[in-house]
């Protein structure tokens, strides 16, 4: 079985302001065929660990699952204090937040009249 503690520390520590605050808990199940990993860290590091749209945490989970599958082990990573919205982020929530930033429309608004080089008049 690989050293999952070192792997998790290697993957998560670069995102943390205070790496000493990282707490790990491992719970092997089913004769070593399943492994639950729980991590906890300071709240201000949450945005960096999860990344935009949860990309960082998804990548970390993929690496852990791939490593586990090489050793016939199913690996699951839980983050203490994580809600299902933090982990997955529904598409409707993401589009709603994106559209509210842009004033409600699908495209960003452009201000002002066309410049002198835009749409020149032909005589």
Protein backbone atom coordinates (compact mmCIF):
# COMPACT_ATOMS: atom_id res chain seq x y z
CA UNK A 1 0.00 0.00 0.00
CA UNK A 2 1.43 3.42 -0.94
CA UNK A 3 2.15 6.10 1.63
CA UNK A 4 -1.09 8.07 1.26
CA UNK A 5 -0.20 10.38 4.13
CA UNK A 6 2.89 11.65 2.31
CA UNK A 7 0.97 11.87 -0.96
CA UNK A 8 -1.87 13.91 0.57
CA UNK A 9 0.61 16.23 2.28
CA UNK A 10 2.51 16.63 -1.00
CA UNK A 11 -0.69 17.51 -2.89
CA UNK A 12 -2.38 19.78 -0.33
CA UNK A 13 0.49 21.59 1.42
CA UNK A 14 1.34 23.96 -1.49
CA UNK A 15 -2.15 25.50 -1.17
CA UNK A 16 -1.86 26.17 2.58
CA UNK A 17 -0.65 29.35 4.27
CA UNK A 18 0.03 27.36 7.44
CA UNK A 19 0.93 23.76 6.50
CA UNK A 20 1.21 22.85 10.20
CA UNK A 21 -2.57 23.26 10.49
CA UNK A 22 -3.18 20.32 8.12
CA UNK A 23 -4.82 17.42 9.98
CA UNK A 24 -5.16 13.98 8.41
CA UNK A 25 -7.27 11.00 9.43
CA UNK A 26 -7.18 7.62 7.68
CA UNK A 27 -9.82 4.93 8.02
CA UNK A 28 -9.11 1.69 6.15
CA UNK A 29 -12.18 -0.45 5.46
CA UNK A 30 -12.81 -3.94 4.02
CA UNK A 31 -9.41 -5.53 4.58
CA UNK A 32 -7.54 -2.67 2.95
CA UNK A 33 -9.70 -2.55 -0.17
CA UNK A 34 -11.21 0.84 0.77
CA UNK A 35 -9.61 3.85 2.36
CA UNK A 36 -11.33 6.97 3.64
CA UNK A 37 -9.08 9.98 4.05
CA UNK A 38 -10.32 13.00 5.97
CA UNK A 39 -8.43 16.27 5.94
CA UNK A 40 -8.89 19.50 7.86
CA UNK A 41 -7.11 22.84 7.56
CA UNK A 42 -7.59 26.51 8.44
CA UNK A 43 -10.69 28.14 6.98
CA UNK A 44 -8.81 30.90 5.17
CA UNK A 45 -7.05 28.27 3.04
CA UNK A 46 -10.31 26.78 1.81
CA UNK A 47 -10.48 28.87 -1.36
CA UNK A 48 -6.97 27.94 -2.44
CA UNK A 49 -7.37 24.23 -1.66
CA UNK A 50 -10.69 23.98 -3.51
CA UNK A 51 -9.72 26.30 -6.36
CA UNK A 52 -12.01 27.99 -8.83
CA UNK A 53 -15.01 25.76 -9.39
CA UNK A 54 -13.46 23.05 -7.19
CA UNK A 55 -10.77 22.24 -9.75
CA UNK A 56 -7.93 21.82 -7.27
CA UNK A 57 -9.77 19.48 -4.92
CA UNK A 58 -11.10 17.47 -7.88
CA UNK A 59 -7.56 17.04 -9.21
CA UNK A 60 -6.33 15.95 -5.78
CA UNK A 61 -9.14 13.40 -5.55
CA UNK A 62 -8.35 12.07 -9.03
CA UNK A 63 -4.68 11.54 -8.16
CA UNK A 64 -5.63 9.71 -4.95
CA UNK A 65 -8.18 7.52 -6.74
CA UNK A 66 -5.74 6.70 -9.52
CA UNK A 67 -3.03 5.80 -7.02
CA UNK A 68 -5.47 3.63 -5.12
CA UNK A 69 -6.65 1.86 -8.27
CA UNK A 70 -3.06 0.89 -9.07
CA UNK A 71 -3.07 -1.02 -5.76
CA UNK A 72 -6.64 -2.39 -6.02
CA UNK A 73 -7.84 0.03 -3.38
CA UNK A 74 -10.77 2.44 -3.49
CA UNK A 75 -9.77 5.82 -2.02
CA UNK A 76 -12.19 8.54 -0.92
CA UNK A 77 -11.18 12.01 0.26
CA UNK A 78 -13.38 14.06 2.57
CA UNK A 79 -12.66 17.62 3.64
CA UNK A 80 -13.82 18.54 7.13
CA UNK A 81 -16.49 21.22 6.92
CA UNK A 82 -17.10 20.66 3.21
CA UNK A 83 -20.68 20.84 2.00
CA UNK A 84 -21.85 19.14 -1.18
CA UNK A 85 -21.98 22.57 -2.85
CA UNK A 86 -18.28 23.11 -2.07
CA UNK A 87 -17.35 19.74 -3.52
CA UNK A 88 -19.38 19.78 -6.72
CA UNK A 89 -20.94 23.20 -7.25
CA UNK A 90 -24.04 22.75 -9.34
CA UNK A 91 -24.01 24.14 -12.86
CA UNK A 92 -27.08 26.26 -12.23
CA UNK A 93 -25.44 27.88 -9.22
CA UNK A 94 -22.29 28.63 -11.21
CA UNK A 95 -24.21 30.12 -14.13
CA UNK A 96 -26.40 32.14 -11.76
CA UNK A 97 -23.39 33.64 -10.02
CA UNK A 98 -21.69 34.33 -13.34
CA UNK A 99 -24.73 36.06 -14.81
CA UNK A 100 -25.24 38.18 -11.70
CA UNK A 101 -21.69 39.48 -12.00
CA UNK A 102 -22.30 40.52 -15.59
CA UNK A 103 -25.49 42.39 -14.85
CA UNK A 104 -27.85 39.51 -15.54
CA UNK A 105 -27.18 39.04 -19.25
CA UNK A 106 -25.42 36.23 -21.00
CA UNK A 107 -22.65 38.48 -22.35
CA UNK A 108 -20.65 41.22 -20.68
CA UNK A 109 -21.91 44.68 -21.52
CA UNK A 110 -19.87 46.98 -23.65
CA UNK A 111 -20.10 50.62 -22.85
CA UNK A 112 -20.12 53.65 -25.13
CA UNK A 113 -20.52 54.21 -28.84
CA UNK A 114 -18.48 52.47 -31.49
CA UNK A 115 -15.01 53.96 -31.92
CA UNK A 116 -13.77 55.68 -35.07
CA UNK A 117 -12.45 52.44 -36.60
CA UNK A 118 -15.59 50.45 -35.87
CA UNK A 119 -18.25 50.29 -38.56
CA UNK A 120 -16.80 52.95 -40.84
CA UNK A 121 -19.33 54.55 -43.19
CA UNK A 122 -18.89 53.96 -46.86
CA UNK A 123 -19.95 56.64 -49.32
